[in-house]
Amino acid sequence: MESLKRYLEEMRDAELRGDYAELLREGARRGRIDSIMMTSCASSGHPGGSMSSMEIYMTAYGCARINRENLHDPDRDRVVISHGHTSPGAYSALIFWGLLDRQQVVPNFRRAGSPYQGHVEREVPGIDWGTGNLGQGLSAGVGFALAARARGSSAHVYVLMGDGEQVKGQVAEARRLASKEKLSNITVLVDYNRIQICGRIDEIMPADIEALWRADGWRVLRADGHDFQSLYSAVRDAKACDVPTVILCDTVMGKGVSFMEGIPDYHGKALSGDKLEKALEELGGVHGGV
């Protein structure tokens, strides 16, 4: 796993190695099982978006220079999670990369007094910003990027967002500031599953998300949000760019479980009973393990 982490941080190859892609795919499978188990044990939470964001989380935390040894280093990379309700996805990725212990996280998700809250908080190693109202994460990421530049640091900032928050006014302000300041040390990855808690984004608040980012001066890339090769290539391309870059990652809500895929209800609905058993069966897991 250490060799995979170094490989992703360095991003020397133009294409992701096949054996490493397979390791990541297996990690994503396990992460989906962990996400379902977390929310089912708590009887609450947001499994659908966690599953659509899984490969994005795995890629961001793999490419970011973040590990157990450098957590307190001001010059390490930062990962800012704006759609913090997908915390099971974040925790699952942090488990994969060795920053968290599965046995501590899964049974304690959303428990009173536990740091593994339903929305990510900085008490958890690897979580750099405590998520508040949707639409605020990009502003925090721009702040991190400005601070890194002011210190002369080579730190890169990754901001992970949902598509439902893209129409918020604060997001537009943050986009314009990043563009005005030419922040090439920030990369945004948007989980573009086209669903939010109230329904489909085109029905709730229609917007041409790609056009909005372009209008505010950002470079826009597209990626298959469930394909590690596509994500790796896009992130590598973004880091080499001299302007702020956003990657719109096409994803599927509830990815990996047939009856959850593309269904708005599973944005914030935990599984139980027969549905839990069926989901674990489809993912190749069993109750209590992977």
Protein backbone atom coordinates (compact mmCIF):
# COMPACT_ATOMS: atom_id res chain seq x y z
CA MET A 1 0.00 0.00 0.00
CA GLU A 2 2.91 2.36 0.69
CA SER A 3 4.20 1.92 -2.85
CA LEU A 4 0.74 2.71 -4.26
CA LYS A 5 0.56 5.85 -2.12
CA ARG A 6 3.95 7.08 -3.27
CA TYR A 7 3.06 6.31 -6.87
CA LEU A 8 -0.13 8.39 -6.72
CA GLU A 9 1.54 11.29 -4.93
CA GLU A 10 4.31 11.46 -7.53
CA MET A 11 2.00 10.97 -10.57
CA ARG A 12 4.94 10.42 -12.92
CA ASP A 13 3.20 8.01 -15.28
CA ALA A 14 0.81 9.41 -17.87
CA GLU A 15 -1.51 6.46 -17.24
CA LEU A 16 -2.35 4.62 -14.05
CA ARG A 17 -0.69 1.23 -13.72
CA GLY A 18 -3.12 -1.64 -14.16
CA ASP A 19 -2.18 -3.48 -10.97
CA TYR A 20 -2.60 -0.32 -8.94
CA ALA A 21 -5.96 0.37 -10.56
CA GLU A 22 -7.08 -3.09 -9.46
CA LEU A 23 -5.99 -2.40 -5.86
CA LEU A 24 -8.00 0.82 -5.91
CA ARG A 25 -11.07 -0.91 -7.32
CA GLU A 26 -10.92 -3.46 -4.52
CA GLY A 27 -10.55 -0.62 -2.02
CA ALA A 28 -13.63 1.07 -3.47
CA ARG A 29 -15.62 -2.16 -3.17
CA ARG A 30 -14.66 -2.48 0.48
CA GLY A 31 -15.37 1.21 0.99
CA ARG A 32 -18.91 0.78 -0.28
CA ILE A 33 -19.46 -2.07 2.15
CA ASP A 34 -18.07 0.05 4.98
CA SER A 35 -20.30 2.97 4.01
CA ILE A 36 -23.42 0.81 4.02
CA MET A 37 -22.46 -0.78 7.33
CA MET A 38 -21.79 2.60 8.96
CA THR A 39 -25.16 4.03 8.01
CA SER A 40 -27.03 0.81 8.74
CA CYS A 41 -25.45 0.43 12.19
CA ALA A 42 -26.44 4.04 12.94
CA SER A 43 -29.85 3.69 11.23
CA SER A 44 -29.14 7.08 9.66
CA GLY A 45 -26.76 8.85 7.32
CA HIS A 46 -26.18 9.31 3.60
CA PRO A 47 -25.10 6.12 1.84
CA GLY A 48 -26.04 7.08 -1.74
CA GLY A 49 -23.69 10.03 -2.12
CA SER A 50 -20.95 8.22 -0.22
CA MET A 51 -21.09 5.45 -2.81
CA SER A 52 -21.14 7.83 -5.78
CA SER A 53 -18.16 9.72 -4.32
CA MET A 54 -16.13 6.62 -3.41
CA GLU A 55 -13.61 6.62 -6.27
CA ILE A 56 -13.27 10.39 -5.92
CA TYR A 57 -12.40 10.06 -2.24
CA MET A 58 -9.98 7.22 -2.91
CA THR A 59 -8.21 9.20 -5.64
CA ALA A 60 -8.04 12.51 -3.78
CA TYR A 61 -6.65 11.02 -0.58
CA GLY A 62 -4.27 8.86 -2.61
CA CYS A 63 -2.85 11.74 -4.66
CA ALA A 64 -2.75 14.23 -1.77
CA ARG A 65 0.46 14.29 0.26
CA ILE A 66 -1.28 13.27 3.49
CA ASN A 67 -0.21 10.41 5.75
CA ARG A 68 0.09 9.53 9.44
CA GLU A 69 3.57 11.07 9.69
CA ASN A 70 2.85 14.51 8.19
CA LEU A 71 -0.57 15.34 9.64
CA HIS A 72 0.85 18.30 11.58
CA ASP A 73 3.08 19.56 8.77
CA PRO A 74 1.81 22.99 7.58
CA ASP A 75 3.26 22.33 4.13
CA ARG A 76 1.41 19.10 3.40
CA ASP A 77 -1.49 18.99 0.94
CA ARG A 78 -5.06 19.63 2.10
CA VAL A 79 -8.35 17.93 1.32
CA VAL A 80 -11.46 20.04 1.92
CA ILE A 81 -14.79 18.20 1.86
CA SER A 82 -17.70 20.47 1.07
CA HIS A 83 -20.42 17.81 0.79
CA GLY A 84 -19.60 16.59 4.27
CA HIS A 85 -22.74 14.49 4.68
CA THR A 86 -20.95 11.89 2.54
CA SER A 87 -18.70 11.28 5.54
CA PRO A 88 -18.95 7.46 5.26
CA GLY A 89 -17.18 7.74 1.91
CA ALA A 90 -14.45 9.92 3.39
CA TYR A 91 -13.97 7.64 6.40
CA SER A 92 -13.85 4.58 4.13
CA ALA A 93 -11.08 6.15 2.03
CA LEU A 94 -9.16 7.12 5.17
CA ILE A 95 -9.47 3.53 6.38
CA PHE A 96 -8.05 2.28 3.08
CA TRP A 97 -5.10 4.68 3.26
CA GLY A 98 -4.29 3.69 6.84
CA LEU A 99 -5.28 6.86 8.69
CA LEU A 100 -8.29 5.29 10.44
CA ASP A 101 -9.10 1.91 12.00
CA ARG A 102 -12.15 0.18 10.51
CA GLN A 103 -13.03 -1.45 13.84
CA GLN A 104 -13.20 1.96 15.49
CA VAL A 105 -15.07 3.79 12.75
CA VAL A 106 -17.85 1.49 11.55
CA PRO A 107 -19.55 0.71 14.89
CA ASN A 108 -19.09 4.27 16.20
CA PHE A 109 -20.40 6.22 13.22
CA ARG A 110 -22.82 8.92 14.42
CA ARG A 111 -22.64 7.73 18.03
CA ALA A 112 -22.81 10.39 20.75
CA GLY A 113 -19.29 11.40 21.76
CA SER A 114 -17.70 9.78 18.70
CA PRO A 115 -15.50 11.90 16.39
CA TYR A 116 -16.95 10.03 13.39
CA GLN A 117 -19.89 12.33 12.95
CA GLY A 118 -22.46 12.40 10.18
CA HIS A 119 -20.80 15.52 8.77
CA VAL A 120 -17.01 15.50 8.76
CA GLU A 121 -15.16 17.30 11.57
CA ARG A 122 -11.47 18.06 12.11
CA GLU A 123 -11.16 15.74 15.11
CA VAL A 124 -10.74 12.93 12.58
CA PRO A 125 -7.18 12.50 11.19
CA GLY A 126 -7.13 13.52 7.53
CA ILE A 127 -10.18 15.79 7.78
CA ASP A 128 -8.93 19.34 7.27
CA TRP A 129 -12.17 21.29 7.51
CA GLY A 130 -15.38 20.75 9.44
CA THR A 131 -18.29 20.88 7.04
CA GLY A 132 -21.12 23.29 7.68
CA ASN A 133 -23.88 24.36 5.35
CA LEU A 134 -23.44 23.12 1.80
CA GLY A 135 -21.75 25.63 -0.48
CA GLN A 136 -19.01 26.72 1.93
CA GLY A 137 -16.24 24.24 1.16
CA LEU A 138 -14.81 26.00 -1.88
CA SER A 139 -14.34 29.19 0.13
CA ALA A 140 -12.36 27.22 2.72
CA GLY A 141 -10.30 25.59 -0.01
CA VAL A 142 -9.49 28.95 -1.57
CA GLY A 143 -8.37 30.12 1.87
CA PHE A 144 -6.04 27.15 2.23
CA ALA A 145 -4.63 27.77 -1.25
CA LEU A 146 -4.03 31.47 -0.58
CA ALA A 147 -2.33 30.66 2.72
CA ALA A 148 -0.06 28.10 1.07
CA ARG A 149 0.98 30.60 -1.60
CA ALA A 150 1.64 33.29 1.00
CA ARG A 151 3.96 30.90 2.86
CA GLY A 152 5.77 29.91 -0.32
CA SER A 153 4.54 26.37 0.19
CA SER A 154 4.15 23.80 -2.57
CA ALA A 155 1.03 22.39 -0.90
CA HIS A 156 -1.85 21.54 -3.20
CA VAL A 157 -5.50 21.83 -2.15
CA TYR A 158 -8.17 19.38 -3.23
CA VAL A 159 -11.79 20.44 -2.75
CA LEU A 160 -14.48 17.77 -3.00
CA MET A 161 -18.03 18.95 -3.70
CA GLY A 162 -21.50 17.75 -4.62
CA ASP A 163 -23.42 18.93 -7.67
CA GLY A 164 -26.46 20.08 -5.68
CA GLU A 165 -24.47 22.87 -4.00
CA GLN A 166 -23.14 24.37 -7.23
CA VAL A 167 -25.90 26.99 -7.51
CA LYS A 168 -25.17 28.57 -4.13
CA GLY A 169 -24.00 32.16 -4.25
CA GLN A 170 -20.99 31.64 -2.03
CA VAL A 171 -19.63 29.07 -4.49
CA ALA A 172 -19.71 31.68 -7.28
CA GLU A 173 -17.86 34.20 -5.11
CA ALA A 174 -15.17 31.66 -4.26
CA ARG A 175 -14.77 30.67 -7.91
CA ARG A 176 -14.21 34.28 -8.91
CA LEU A 177 -11.68 34.92 -6.16
CA ALA A 178 -9.69 31.81 -7.09
CA SER A 179 -9.68 32.88 -10.73
CA LYS A 180 -8.73 36.45 -9.92
CA GLU A 181 -5.82 35.22 -7.77
CA LYS A 182 -4.79 32.63 -10.40
CA LEU A 183 -4.69 29.84 -7.82
CA SER A 184 -3.09 27.02 -9.75
CA ASN A 185 -2.60 25.11 -6.47
CA ILE A 186 -6.27 24.17 -6.14
CA THR A 187 -8.18 21.33 -7.80
CA VAL A 188 -11.91 20.81 -7.35
CA LEU A 189 -13.63 17.46 -7.92
CA VAL A 190 -17.42 17.55 -8.20
CA ASP A 191 -19.50 14.42 -7.59
CA TYR A 192 -21.84 14.92 -10.55
CA ASN A 193 -24.56 12.33 -9.84
CA ARG A 194 -27.39 14.75 -10.73
CA ILE A 195 -29.33 14.00 -7.54
CA GLN A 196 -29.76 15.92 -4.29
CA ILE A 197 -31.81 15.22 -1.20
CA CYS A 198 -35.06 16.66 -2.60
CA GLY A 199 -34.80 15.04 -6.03
CA ARG A 200 -32.96 15.59 -9.30
CA ILE A 201 -30.88 18.75 -9.61
CA ASP A 202 -32.42 19.72 -12.96
CA GLU A 203 -35.83 19.79 -11.30
CA ILE A 204 -34.80 21.52 -8.05
CA MET A 205 -32.60 24.31 -9.46
CA PRO A 206 -31.56 23.91 -13.10
CA ALA A 207 -28.11 25.22 -14.02
CA ASP A 208 -25.39 24.65 -16.60
CA ILE A 209 -22.71 23.76 -14.07
CA GLU A 210 -19.91 23.46 -16.60
CA ALA A 211 -20.73 26.88 -18.07
CA LEU A 212 -20.75 28.49 -14.62
CA TRP A 213 -17.20 27.36 -13.88
CA ARG A 214 -15.97 28.39 -17.32
CA ALA A 215 -17.60 31.80 -17.01
CA ASP A 216 -15.70 32.42 -13.79
CA GLY A 217 -12.34 31.64 -15.39
CA TRP A 218 -11.73 28.05 -14.37
CA ARG A 219 -10.40 25.29 -16.57
CA VAL A 220 -13.03 22.54 -16.75
CA LEU A 221 -12.21 18.86 -17.18
CA ARG A 222 -14.58 15.89 -17.32
CA ALA A 223 -13.94 12.46 -15.87
CA ASP A 224 -15.72 9.18 -15.32
CA GLY A 225 -16.09 9.37 -11.57
CA HIS A 226 -16.11 5.57 -11.21
CA ASP A 227 -13.02 4.92 -13.32
CA PHE A 228 -9.66 5.30 -11.58
CA GLN A 229 -7.76 5.71 -14.84
CA SER A 230 -10.01 8.60 -15.86
CA LEU A 231 -9.75 10.25 -12.43
CA TYR A 232 -5.97 9.81 -12.25
CA SER A 233 -5.45 11.34 -15.69
CA ALA A 234 -7.72 14.29 -14.88
CA VAL A 235 -6.06 15.03 -11.54
CA ARG A 236 -2.60 14.76 -13.10
CA ASP A 237 -3.66 17.14 -15.88
CA ALA A 238 -5.19 19.57 -13.38
CA LYS A 239 -2.07 19.75 -11.23
CA ALA A 240 0.04 20.65 -14.26
CA CYS A 241 -2.25 23.56 -15.19
CA ASP A 242 -1.42 27.20 -14.38
CA VAL A 243 -5.03 28.18 -13.60
CA PRO A 244 -7.52 26.76 -11.08
CA THR A 245 -9.13 23.60 -12.41
CA VAL A 246 -12.40 21.80 -11.71
CA ILE A 247 -13.05 18.17 -12.63
CA LEU A 248 -16.71 17.33 -13.17
CA CYS A 249 -16.90 13.65 -12.29
CA ASP A 250 -19.87 11.85 -13.81
CA THR A 251 -21.17 9.41 -11.21
CA VAL A 252 -24.21 7.36 -10.21
CA MET A 253 -26.01 7.79 -6.89
CA GLY A 254 -25.80 4.54 -4.91
CA LYS A 255 -23.19 3.08 -7.30
CA GLY A 256 -22.57 -0.62 -6.79
CA VAL A 257 -25.98 -1.71 -5.52
CA SER A 258 -28.55 -2.25 -8.26
CA PHE A 259 -31.68 -1.13 -6.41
CA MET A 260 -29.97 2.00 -5.05
CA GLU A 261 -28.46 3.29 -8.28
CA GLY A 262 -29.96 6.56 -9.50
CA ILE A 263 -32.66 6.63 -6.81
CA PRO A 264 -32.96 9.94 -4.88
CA ASP A 265 -34.41 8.22 -1.80
CA TYR A 266 -31.03 6.68 -1.01
CA HIS A 267 -29.38 10.07 -0.72
CA GLY A 268 -30.20 9.92 2.98
CA LYS A 269 -31.76 6.52 3.67
CA ALA A 270 -29.95 3.76 5.57
CA LEU A 271 -30.56 0.13 4.67
CA SER A 272 -31.90 -2.57 6.94
CA GLY A 273 -33.32 -6.10 6.81
CA ASP A 274 -33.52 -7.79 3.42
CA LYS A 275 -32.29 -4.73 1.55
CA LEU A 276 -29.14 -4.59 3.66
CA GLU A 277 -28.50 -8.27 3.05
CA LYS A 278 -29.05 -7.87 -0.70
CA ALA A 279 -26.74 -4.85 -0.90
CA LEU A 280 -23.95 -6.68 0.92
CA GLU A 281 -24.47 -9.71 -1.30
CA GLU A 282 -24.14 -7.59 -4.46
CA LEU A 283 -20.96 -6.00 -3.12
CA GLY A 284 -19.48 -9.36 -2.19
CA GLY A 285 -19.59 -8.80 1.54
CA VAL A 286 -21.34 -10.29 4.54
CA HIS A 287 -22.74 -8.88 7.75
CA GLY A 288 -19.82 -7.91 9.99
CA GLY A 289 -17.06 -8.22 7.42
CA VAL A 290 -15.77 -7.79 3.87
